C-alpha atoms as a PDB file:
ATOM      1  CA  MET A   1       0.000   0.000   0.000  1.00  0.00           C
ATOM      2  CA  GLU A   2       1.414   3.339  -1.077  1.00  0.00           C
ATOM      3  CA  LEU A   3       1.540   6.391   1.132  1.00  0.00           C
ATOM      4  CA  TYR A   4       0.031   9.413  -0.569  1.00  0.00           C
ATOM      5  CA  PRO A   5       0.876  13.049   0.101  1.00  0.00           C
ATOM      6  CA  MET A   6      -1.768  14.887   2.100  1.00  0.00           C
ATOM      7  CA  GLU A   7      -2.997  16.850  -0.930  1.00  0.00           C
ATOM      8  CA  THR A   8      -3.650  13.659  -2.887  1.00  0.00           C
ATOM      9  CA  CYS A   9      -5.603  12.182   0.026  1.00  0.00           C
ATOM     10  CA  LEU A  10      -7.759  15.293   0.228  1.00  0.00           C
ATOM     11  CA  VAL A  11      -8.406  15.256  -3.524  1.00  0.00           C
ATOM     12  CA  LEU A  12      -9.385  11.582  -3.467  1.00  0.00           C
ATOM     13  CA  LEU A  13     -11.635  12.167  -0.458  1.00  0.00           C
ATOM     14  CA  HIS A  14     -13.279  15.131  -2.180  1.00  0.00           C
ATOM     15  CA  GLN A  15     -13.891  13.125  -5.382  1.00  0.00           C
ATOM     16  CA  THR A  16     -15.408  10.247  -3.426  1.00  0.00           C
ATOM     17  CA  ARG A  17     -17.649  12.590  -1.466  1.00  0.00           C
ATOM     18  CA  ALA A  18     -18.761  14.392  -4.652  1.00  0.00           C
ATOM     19  CA  ARG A  19     -19.590  11.066  -6.312  1.00  0.00           C
ATOM     20  CA  PHE A  20     -21.607  10.021  -3.261  1.00  0.00           C
ATOM     21  CA  LYS A  21     -23.572  13.279  -3.302  1.00  0.00           C
ATOM     22  CA  ILE A  22     -24.359  12.806  -6.999  1.00  0.00           C
ATOM     23  CA  THR A  23     -25.581   9.265  -6.286  1.00  0.00           C
ATOM     24  CA  GLU A  24     -27.818  10.579  -3.500  1.00  0.00           C
ATOM     25  CA  LYS A  25     -29.287  13.206  -5.810  1.00  0.00           C
ATOM     26  CA  PHE A  26     -30.057  10.605  -8.484  1.00  0.00           C
ATOM     27  CA  GLN A  27     -31.739   8.351  -5.917  1.00  0.00           C
ATOM     28  CA  SER A  28     -33.975  11.140  -4.651  1.00  0.00           C
ATOM     29  CA  LEU A  29     -34.731  12.088  -8.254  1.00  0.00           C
ATOM     30  CA  GLU A  30     -35.790   8.504  -9.009  1.00  0.00           C
ATOM     31  CA  GLU A  31     -38.023   8.475  -5.934  1.00  0.00           C
ATOM     32  CA  TYR A  32     -39.584  11.773  -7.016  1.00  0.00           C
ATOM     33  CA  ILE A  33     -40.276  10.388 -10.508  1.00  0.00           C
ATOM     34  CA  GLU A  34     -41.846   7.249  -9.031  1.00  0.00           C
ATOM     35  CA  ARG A  35     -44.119   9.354  -6.816  1.00  0.00           C
ATOM     36  CA  SER A  36     -45.129  11.542  -9.754  1.00  0.00           C
ATOM     37  CA  ALA A  37     -45.892   8.521 -11.922  1.00  0.00           C
ATOM     38  CA  SER A  38     -48.209   6.875  -9.397  1.00  0.00           C
END
């Protein structure tokens, strides 16, 4: 396992967090569409 510089760790953490937020938004969007359809 490599040791990353602090900046790289922060960038990776930020990317992961951003991806998670996008996933959350898509899930809530899907739920909203399902509610509208019914």
